[in-house]
Amino acid sequence: MNQVPVTAVGAERLKDELKELKFVKRPLVIEAIAVARDHGDLKENAEYHAAREEQGFMEGRIAELESVLSNAQIIDVAKLNQSGRVVFGCTVDIIDMESDEEVTYQIVGNIEADINKNRIAISSPIARALIGKEVGEDVAVQAPAGTREYEITAVRYV
């Protein structure tokens, strides 16, 4: 199997989510299925079908998390060579050259990416364009709306 890069903090988040699913949510769903089963005819029991569907989604997520964690290459960002280059796990500040809007992103593994928390996947076009660059360099990113240009203003290893 290929190793999946994951930050140390991200690995802890994933372990916490896995523990929550296995030891808190799984028993609740099993109990909900048992209660729904007691209501009678399973063919027309919406509660039963909803609980079974929820169980299926949860078991799928548990399997995904277990697979990722078993194949994870955990990278501690704080222990990286702090050369000023953009690398996996670092936090980078960039300015959009067109709008002067400043954005901060952390480059993380695909499983831990969350754009709402400014964590972008290493496989994203912007992360691929930033990797290997240094503070002060301009970066062109091919986006669906056209090419966007950014300037790197800071790189942090936190």
C-alpha atoms as a PDB file:
ATOM      1  CA  MET A   1       0.000   0.000   0.000  1.00  0.00           C
ATOM      2  CA  ASN A   2       1.059   3.558  -0.593  1.00  0.00           C
ATOM      3  CA  GLN A   3       1.756   5.668   2.425  1.00  0.00           C
ATOM      4  CA  VAL A   4      -0.611   8.592   2.924  1.00  0.00           C
ATOM      5  CA  PRO A   5       0.959  11.826   4.221  1.00  0.00           C
ATOM      6  CA  VAL A   6      -0.777  13.158   7.329  1.00  0.00           C
ATOM      7  CA  THR A   7       0.328  15.892   9.713  1.00  0.00           C
ATOM      8  CA  ALA A   8       0.848  14.852  13.341  1.00  0.00           C
ATOM      9  CA  VAL A   9      -1.988  17.135  14.463  1.00  0.00           C
ATOM     10  CA  GLY A  10      -4.226  15.776  11.701  1.00  0.00           C
ATOM     11  CA  ALA A  11      -3.455  12.190  12.733  1.00  0.00           C
ATOM     12  CA  GLU A  12      -4.546  13.001  16.284  1.00  0.00           C
ATOM     13  CA  ARG A  13      -7.792  14.541  14.960  1.00  0.00           C
ATOM     14  CA  LEU A  14      -8.451  11.422  12.891  1.00  0.00           C
ATOM     15  CA  LYS A  15      -7.739   9.138  15.878  1.00  0.00           C
ATOM     16  CA  ASP A  16     -10.141  11.179  18.011  1.00  0.00           C
ATOM     17  CA  GLU A  17     -12.838  10.957  15.330  1.00  0.00           C
ATOM     18  CA  LEU A  18     -12.305   7.191  15.034  1.00  0.00           C
ATOM     19  CA  LYS A  19     -12.560   6.751  18.811  1.00  0.00           C
ATOM     20  CA  GLU A  20     -15.775   8.846  18.873  1.00  0.00           C
ATOM     21  CA  LEU A  21     -17.321   6.781  16.068  1.00  0.00           C
ATOM     22  CA  LYS A  22     -16.375   3.402  17.531  1.00  0.00           C
ATOM     23  CA  PHE A  23     -17.073   3.952  21.210  1.00  0.00           C
ATOM     24  CA  VAL A  24     -19.792   6.615  21.319  1.00  0.00           C
ATOM     25  CA  LYS A  25     -21.752   6.770  18.069  1.00  0.00           C
ATOM     26  CA  ARG A  26     -21.652   3.074  17.094  1.00  0.00           C
ATOM     27  CA  PRO A  27     -23.351   1.924  20.330  1.00  0.00           C
ATOM     28  CA  LEU A  28     -25.991   4.653  19.918  1.00  0.00           C
ATOM     29  CA  VAL A  29     -26.821   3.509  16.391  1.00  0.00           C
ATOM     30  CA  ILE A  30     -26.957  -0.132  17.465  1.00  0.00           C
ATOM     31  CA  GLU A  31     -29.365   0.855  20.217  1.00  0.00           C
ATOM     32  CA  ALA A  32     -31.480   2.889  17.754  1.00  0.00           C
ATOM     33  CA  ILE A  33     -31.686  -0.145  15.432  1.00  0.00           C
ATOM     34  CA  ALA A  34     -32.776  -2.372  18.324  1.00  0.00           C
ATOM     35  CA  VAL A  35     -35.461   0.117  19.407  1.00  0.00           C
ATOM     36  CA  ALA A  36     -36.720   0.522  15.833  1.00  0.00           C
ATOM     37  CA  ARG A  37     -36.767  -3.270  15.371  1.00  0.00           C
ATOM     38  CA  ASP A  38     -39.051  -3.543  18.403  1.00  0.00           C
ATOM     39  CA  HIS A  39     -41.629  -1.339  16.640  1.00  0.00           C
ATOM     40  CA  GLY A  40     -42.702  -4.176  14.386  1.00  0.00           C
ATOM     41  CA  ASP A  41     -42.793  -4.740  10.635  1.00  0.00           C
ATOM     42  CA  LEU A  42     -39.325  -3.888   9.253  1.00  0.00           C
ATOM     43  CA  LYS A  43     -40.514  -3.393   5.651  1.00  0.00           C
ATOM     44  CA  GLU A  44     -42.452  -0.245   6.519  1.00  0.00           C
ATOM     45  CA  ASN A  45     -40.356   0.928   9.467  1.00  0.00           C
ATOM     46  CA  ALA A  46     -38.727   4.243   8.460  1.00  0.00           C
ATOM     47  CA  GLU A  47     -36.842   4.549  11.768  1.00  0.00           C
ATOM     48  CA  TYR A  48     -35.237   1.166  11.232  1.00  0.00           C
ATOM     49  CA  HIS A  49     -34.181   1.961   7.666  1.00  0.00           C
ATOM     50  CA  ALA A  50     -32.797   5.373   8.689  1.00  0.00           C
ATOM     51  CA  ALA A  51     -30.792   3.833  11.524  1.00  0.00           C
ATOM     52  CA  ARG A  52     -29.428   1.108   9.212  1.00  0.00           C
ATOM     53  CA  GLU A  53     -28.452   3.731   6.639  1.00  0.00           C
ATOM     54  CA  GLU A  54     -26.697   5.775   9.318  1.00  0.00           C
ATOM     55  CA  GLN A  55     -24.911   2.624  10.463  1.00  0.00           C
ATOM     56  CA  GLY A  56     -23.712   1.979   6.902  1.00  0.00           C
ATOM     57  CA  PHE A  57     -22.291   5.484   6.524  1.00  0.00           C
ATOM     58  CA  MET A  58     -20.623   5.292   9.920  1.00  0.00           C
ATOM     59  CA  GLU A  59     -19.065   1.874   9.277  1.00  0.00           C
ATOM     60  CA  GLY A  60     -17.761   3.179   5.946  1.00  0.00           C
ATOM     61  CA  ARG A  61     -16.130   6.168   7.671  1.00  0.00           C
ATOM     62  CA  ILE A  62     -14.638   3.896  10.346  1.00  0.00           C
ATOM     63  CA  ALA A  63     -13.125   1.667   7.644  1.00  0.00           C
ATOM     64  CA  GLU A  64     -11.761   4.716   5.796  1.00  0.00           C
ATOM     65  CA  LEU A  65     -10.170   6.163   8.949  1.00  0.00           C
ATOM     66  CA  GLU A  66      -8.653   2.817   9.947  1.00  0.00           C
ATOM     67  CA  SER A  67      -7.198   2.387   6.461  1.00  0.00           C
ATOM     68  CA  VAL A  68      -5.720   5.885   6.349  1.00  0.00           C
ATOM     69  CA  LEU A  69      -4.242   5.644   9.835  1.00  0.00           C
ATOM     70  CA  SER A  70      -2.719   2.230   9.152  1.00  0.00           C
ATOM     71  CA  ASN A  71      -1.031   3.571   6.013  1.00  0.00           C
ATOM     72  CA  ALA A  72      -0.239   7.045   7.342  1.00  0.00           C
ATOM     73  CA  GLN A  73       3.157   8.627   7.023  1.00  0.00           C
ATOM     74  CA  ILE A  74       2.856  11.002   9.966  1.00  0.00           C
ATOM     75  CA  ILE A  75       4.841  14.190   9.493  1.00  0.00           C
ATOM     76  CA  ASP A  76       5.507  16.447  12.468  1.00  0.00           C
ATOM     77  CA  VAL A  77       5.599  19.928  10.968  1.00  0.00           C
ATOM     78  CA  ALA A  78       7.464  21.415  13.941  1.00  0.00           C
ATOM     79  CA  LYS A  79      10.393  19.054  13.309  1.00  0.00           C
ATOM     80  CA  LEU A  80      10.791  19.926   9.630  1.00  0.00           C
ATOM     81  CA  ASN A  81      13.863  21.690   8.277  1.00  0.00           C
ATOM     82  CA  GLN A  82      12.681  25.290   8.500  1.00  0.00           C
ATOM     83  CA  SER A  83      14.342  26.457   5.319  1.00  0.00           C
ATOM     84  CA  GLY A  84      11.662  28.962   4.343  1.00  0.00           C
ATOM     85  CA  ARG A  85      10.428  26.744   1.516  1.00  0.00           C
ATOM     86  CA  VAL A  86       6.807  25.708   1.199  1.00  0.00           C
ATOM     87  CA  VAL A  87       6.569  22.008   2.101  1.00  0.00           C
ATOM     88  CA  PHE A  88       3.889  19.567   3.200  1.00  0.00           C
ATOM     89  CA  GLY A  89       2.405  20.592   6.539  1.00  0.00           C
ATOM     90  CA  CYS A  90       3.601  24.182   6.582  1.00  0.00           C
ATOM     91  CA  THR A  91       1.331  27.202   6.859  1.00  0.00           C
ATOM     92  CA  VAL A  92       1.728  29.733   4.065  1.00  0.00           C
ATOM     93  CA  ASP A  93       0.435  33.284   3.725  1.00  0.00           C
ATOM     94  CA  ILE A  94      -0.273  34.440   0.184  1.00  0.00           C
ATOM     95  CA  ILE A  95      -1.636  37.593  -1.405  1.00  0.00           C
ATOM     96  CA  ASP A  96      -3.814  37.511  -4.503  1.00  0.00           C
ATOM     97  CA  MET A  97      -1.988  39.862  -6.905  1.00  0.00           C
ATOM     98  CA  GLU A  98      -5.245  40.941  -8.539  1.00  0.00           C
ATOM     99  CA  SER A  99      -7.433  41.652  -5.507  1.00  0.00           C
ATOM    100  CA  ASP A 100      -4.767  42.215  -2.793  1.00  0.00           C
ATOM    101  CA  GLU A 101      -6.702  39.732  -0.644  1.00  0.00           C
ATOM    102  CA  GLU A 102      -4.475  37.904   1.845  1.00  0.00           C
ATOM    103  CA  VAL A 103      -5.164  34.245   2.624  1.00  0.00           C
ATOM    104  CA  THR A 104      -3.468  31.755   4.939  1.00  0.00           C
ATOM    105  CA  TYR A 105      -3.445  28.035   4.111  1.00  0.00           C
ATOM    106  CA  GLN A 106      -1.965  24.963   5.716  1.00  0.00           C
ATOM    107  CA  ILE A 107      -0.985  22.270   3.232  1.00  0.00           C
ATOM    108  CA  VAL A 108      -2.197  18.907   4.556  1.00  0.00           C
ATOM    109  CA  GLY A 109      -3.056  15.385   3.425  1.00  0.00           C
ATOM    110  CA  ASN A 110      -6.200  14.754   1.408  1.00  0.00           C
ATOM    111  CA  ILE A 111      -8.075  13.149   4.328  1.00  0.00           C
ATOM    112  CA  GLU A 112      -7.527  16.140   6.640  1.00  0.00           C
ATOM    113  CA  ALA A 113      -8.257  18.909   4.110  1.00  0.00           C
ATOM    114  CA  ASP A 114     -10.988  21.347   5.138  1.00  0.00           C
ATOM    115  CA  ILE A 115     -11.297  24.570   3.138  1.00  0.00           C
ATOM    116  CA  ASN A 116     -13.503  26.089   5.859  1.00  0.00           C
ATOM    117  CA  LYS A 117     -10.506  25.862   8.206  1.00  0.00           C
ATOM    118  CA  ASN A 118      -8.021  26.912   5.478  1.00  0.00           C
ATOM    119  CA  ARG A 119      -6.452  23.448   5.307  1.00  0.00           C
ATOM    120  CA  ILE A 120      -5.875  22.558   1.651  1.00  0.00           C
ATOM    121  CA  ALA A 121      -4.982  19.150   0.246  1.00  0.00           C
ATOM    122  CA  ILE A 122      -1.478  18.541  -1.042  1.00  0.00           C
ATOM    123  CA  SER A 123      -3.110  17.366  -4.282  1.00  0.00           C
ATOM    124  CA  SER A 124      -4.960  20.662  -4.874  1.00  0.00           C
ATOM    125  CA  PRO A 125      -3.760  22.899  -7.729  1.00  0.00           C
ATOM    126  CA  ILE A 126      -2.805  25.746  -5.399  1.00  0.00           C
ATOM    127  CA  ALA A 127      -0.813  23.474  -3.055  1.00  0.00           C
ATOM    128  CA  ARG A 128       1.004  21.856  -5.983  1.00  0.00           C
ATOM    129  CA  ALA A 129       1.908  25.325  -7.292  1.00  0.00           C
ATOM    130  CA  LEU A 130       3.170  26.481  -3.867  1.00  0.00           C
ATOM    131  CA  ILE A 131       5.315  23.440  -2.973  1.00  0.00           C
ATOM    132  CA  GLY A 132       9.025  24.220  -3.221  1.00  0.00           C
ATOM    133  CA  LYS A 133       8.577  27.989  -3.480  1.00  0.00           C
ATOM    134  CA  GLU A 134       9.925  30.567  -1.000  1.00  0.00           C
ATOM    135  CA  VAL A 135       8.828  33.862   0.574  1.00  0.00           C
ATOM    136  CA  GLY A 136       8.716  36.659  -2.010  1.00  0.00           C
ATOM    137  CA  GLU A 137       8.161  34.362  -4.983  1.00  0.00           C
ATOM    138  CA  ASP A 138       5.181  34.767  -7.288  1.00  0.00           C
ATOM    139  CA  VAL A 139       3.088  31.701  -8.072  1.00  0.00           C
ATOM    140  CA  ALA A 140       0.687  31.194 -10.964  1.00  0.00           C
ATOM    141  CA  VAL A 141      -2.189  28.801 -10.288  1.00  0.00           C
ATOM    142  CA  GLN A 142      -4.356  27.440 -13.055  1.00  0.00           C
ATOM    143  CA  ALA A 143      -7.917  27.655 -11.717  1.00  0.00           C
ATOM    144  CA  PRO A 144     -11.231  26.883 -13.442  1.00  0.00           C
ATOM    145  CA  ALA A 145     -11.867  30.633 -13.803  1.00  0.00           C
ATOM    146  CA  GLY A 146      -8.416  31.188 -15.317  1.00  0.00           C
ATOM    147  CA  THR A 147      -4.895  31.746 -14.074  1.00  0.00           C
ATOM    148  CA  ARG A 148      -4.551  33.383 -10.654  1.00  0.00           C
ATOM    149  CA  GLU A 149      -1.298  34.909  -9.439  1.00  0.00           C
ATOM    150  CA  TYR A 150      -0.219  34.977  -5.812  1.00  0.00           C
ATOM    151  CA  GLU A 151       2.781  36.246  -3.892  1.00  0.00           C
ATOM    152  CA  ILE A 152       4.081  34.232  -0.936  1.00  0.00           C
ATOM    153  CA  THR A 153       4.458  36.561   2.066  1.00  0.00           C
ATOM    154  CA  ALA A 154       5.230  34.090   4.890  1.00  0.00           C
ATOM    155  CA  VAL A 155       5.930  30.428   5.538  1.00  0.00           C
ATOM    156  CA  ARG A 156       5.511  28.969   9.030  1.00  0.00           C
ATOM    157  CA  TYR A 157       6.150  25.490  10.396  1.00  0.00           C
ATOM    158  CA  VAL A 158       3.622  25.234  13.232  1.00  0.00           C
END
